[in-house]
Amino acid sequence: MSTTAPETVVAQYRVRADREAEFRALLERHEPTLRRLGLAVGAPTQRFRGHEREGLLYVEIFTWRDAAAVEAAHRHPEVAAIWDAMEPCLEARGGKPKWDFPHVSPLP
């Protein structure tokens, strides 16, 4: 895969019920931070709230500028601050990780 092609991600967050308000406030800061830093591009981020059998699930769909943007986000202190604060709001359950980030491509 080219490092210059945009990469769409379907971020899945398994949110602890007792930390939902805190998580949601962090999620509201996520996209604006990524966009301001030039890491996310394209259509506005889509966010969804739902439930799996085991509990609360948030889904966030957005597009990284490219693979280099994904790597840059992992090194950027502003992004790390959001992700670090999100982590204790999440829980692994049902054999699934706290959070998961499958990258997807549109079908023709």
Protein backbone atom coordinates (compact mmCIF):
# COMPACT_ATOMS: atom_id res chain seq x y z
CA MET A 1 0.00 0.00 0.00
CA SER A 2 1.32 3.44 -0.87
CA THR A 3 2.20 5.67 2.05
CA THR A 4 0.64 8.61 0.19
CA ALA A 5 -2.85 7.16 -0.18
CA PRO A 6 -5.55 8.19 2.31
CA GLU A 7 -6.48 5.46 4.79
CA THR A 8 -10.00 5.16 6.21
CA VAL A 9 -10.30 3.65 9.67
CA VAL A 10 -13.31 2.31 11.55
CA ALA A 11 -12.26 2.93 15.15
CA GLN A 12 -14.15 0.80 17.65
CA TYR A 13 -14.10 1.79 21.31
CA ARG A 14 -15.51 -0.52 24.02
CA VAL A 15 -16.50 2.09 26.58
CA ARG A 16 -17.00 1.43 30.28
CA ALA A 17 -20.50 2.53 31.25
CA ASP A 18 -19.19 4.44 34.27
CA ARG A 19 -16.73 6.43 32.11
CA GLU A 20 -18.96 7.27 29.14
CA ALA A 21 -19.24 11.02 29.78
CA GLU A 22 -15.47 11.34 30.15
CA PHE A 23 -14.87 9.29 27.00
CA ARG A 24 -17.38 11.28 24.99
CA ALA A 25 -15.68 14.58 25.92
CA LEU A 26 -12.36 13.16 24.73
CA LEU A 27 -13.92 11.86 21.52
CA GLU A 28 -15.24 15.36 20.79
CA ARG A 29 -11.65 16.64 20.87
CA HIS A 30 -10.22 13.83 18.74
CA GLU A 31 -11.23 14.83 15.21
CA PRO A 32 -10.59 18.58 15.59
CA THR A 33 -7.10 17.80 16.87
CA LEU A 34 -6.33 15.40 14.02
CA ARG A 35 -7.60 17.87 11.43
CA ARG A 36 -5.80 20.86 12.92
CA LEU A 37 -2.57 18.87 12.79
CA GLY A 38 -3.24 17.89 9.15
CA LEU A 39 -3.48 14.18 9.99
CA ALA A 40 -7.16 13.58 9.11
CA VAL A 41 -8.67 14.58 5.76
CA GLY A 42 -11.79 14.19 3.67
CA ALA A 43 -15.38 13.98 4.77
CA PRO A 44 -16.27 14.85 8.36
CA THR A 45 -15.81 12.09 10.87
CA GLN A 46 -18.85 9.93 11.50
CA ARG A 47 -19.51 8.87 15.09
CA PHE A 48 -21.92 6.24 16.32
CA ARG A 49 -23.01 4.98 19.74
CA GLY A 50 -24.37 1.47 20.14
CA HIS A 51 -24.20 -1.74 22.08
CA GLU A 52 -22.54 -5.08 21.63
CA ARG A 53 -23.83 -8.06 23.61
CA GLU A 54 -21.35 -7.25 26.35
CA GLY A 55 -21.70 -3.47 26.58
CA LEU A 56 -21.37 0.01 25.18
CA LEU A 57 -19.61 0.56 21.84
CA TYR A 58 -18.61 3.79 20.12
CA VAL A 59 -17.55 3.78 16.48
CA GLU A 60 -15.66 6.60 14.78
CA ILE A 61 -15.05 6.55 11.01
CA PHE A 62 -12.49 8.95 9.59
CA THR A 63 -9.73 9.12 7.00
CA TRP A 64 -6.06 9.54 7.76
CA ARG A 65 -4.13 11.71 5.31
CA ASP A 66 -1.86 8.70 4.62
CA ALA A 67 0.10 5.99 6.43
CA ALA A 68 2.68 8.57 7.52
CA ALA A 69 -0.09 10.49 9.30
CA VAL A 70 -0.95 7.40 11.32
CA GLU A 71 2.67 7.11 12.41
CA ALA A 72 2.90 10.85 13.13
CA ALA A 73 -0.21 10.69 15.32
CA HIS A 74 1.45 8.04 17.48
CA ARG A 75 4.37 10.40 18.10
CA HIS A 76 2.44 13.67 18.54
CA PRO A 77 2.01 14.78 22.17
CA GLU A 78 -1.45 16.34 21.63
CA VAL A 79 -2.83 13.16 20.11
CA ALA A 80 -1.08 11.00 22.70
CA ALA A 81 -2.68 13.07 25.48
CA ILE A 82 -6.15 12.30 24.10
CA TRP A 83 -5.43 8.62 23.51
CA ASP A 84 -3.80 8.22 26.93
CA ALA A 85 -6.86 9.76 28.60
CA MET A 86 -9.22 7.54 26.56
CA GLU A 87 -7.51 4.30 27.53
CA PRO A 88 -8.83 4.01 31.13
CA CYS A 89 -12.37 4.74 29.85
CA LEU A 90 -12.29 1.51 27.85
CA GLU A 91 -12.44 -2.18 28.62
CA ALA A 92 -11.59 -5.39 26.80
CA ARG A 93 -14.58 -7.71 26.74
CA GLY A 94 -16.11 -10.57 24.84
CA GLY A 95 -12.66 -11.62 23.66
CA LYS A 96 -12.23 -8.25 21.94
CA PRO A 97 -9.64 -5.56 22.73
CA LYS A 98 -10.47 -2.24 24.41
CA TRP A 99 -10.16 -0.53 21.07
CA ASP A 100 -9.63 -1.70 17.55
CA PHE A 101 -8.76 0.20 14.37
CA PRO A 102 -9.43 -1.77 11.18
CA HIS A 103 -8.47 0.15 8.06
CA VAL A 104 -10.96 -0.25 5.22
CA SER A 105 -11.29 0.60 1.54
CA PRO A 106 -14.49 1.38 -0.37
CA LEU A 107 -15.82 -1.28 -2.69
CA PRO A 108 -16.00 -0.37 -6.38
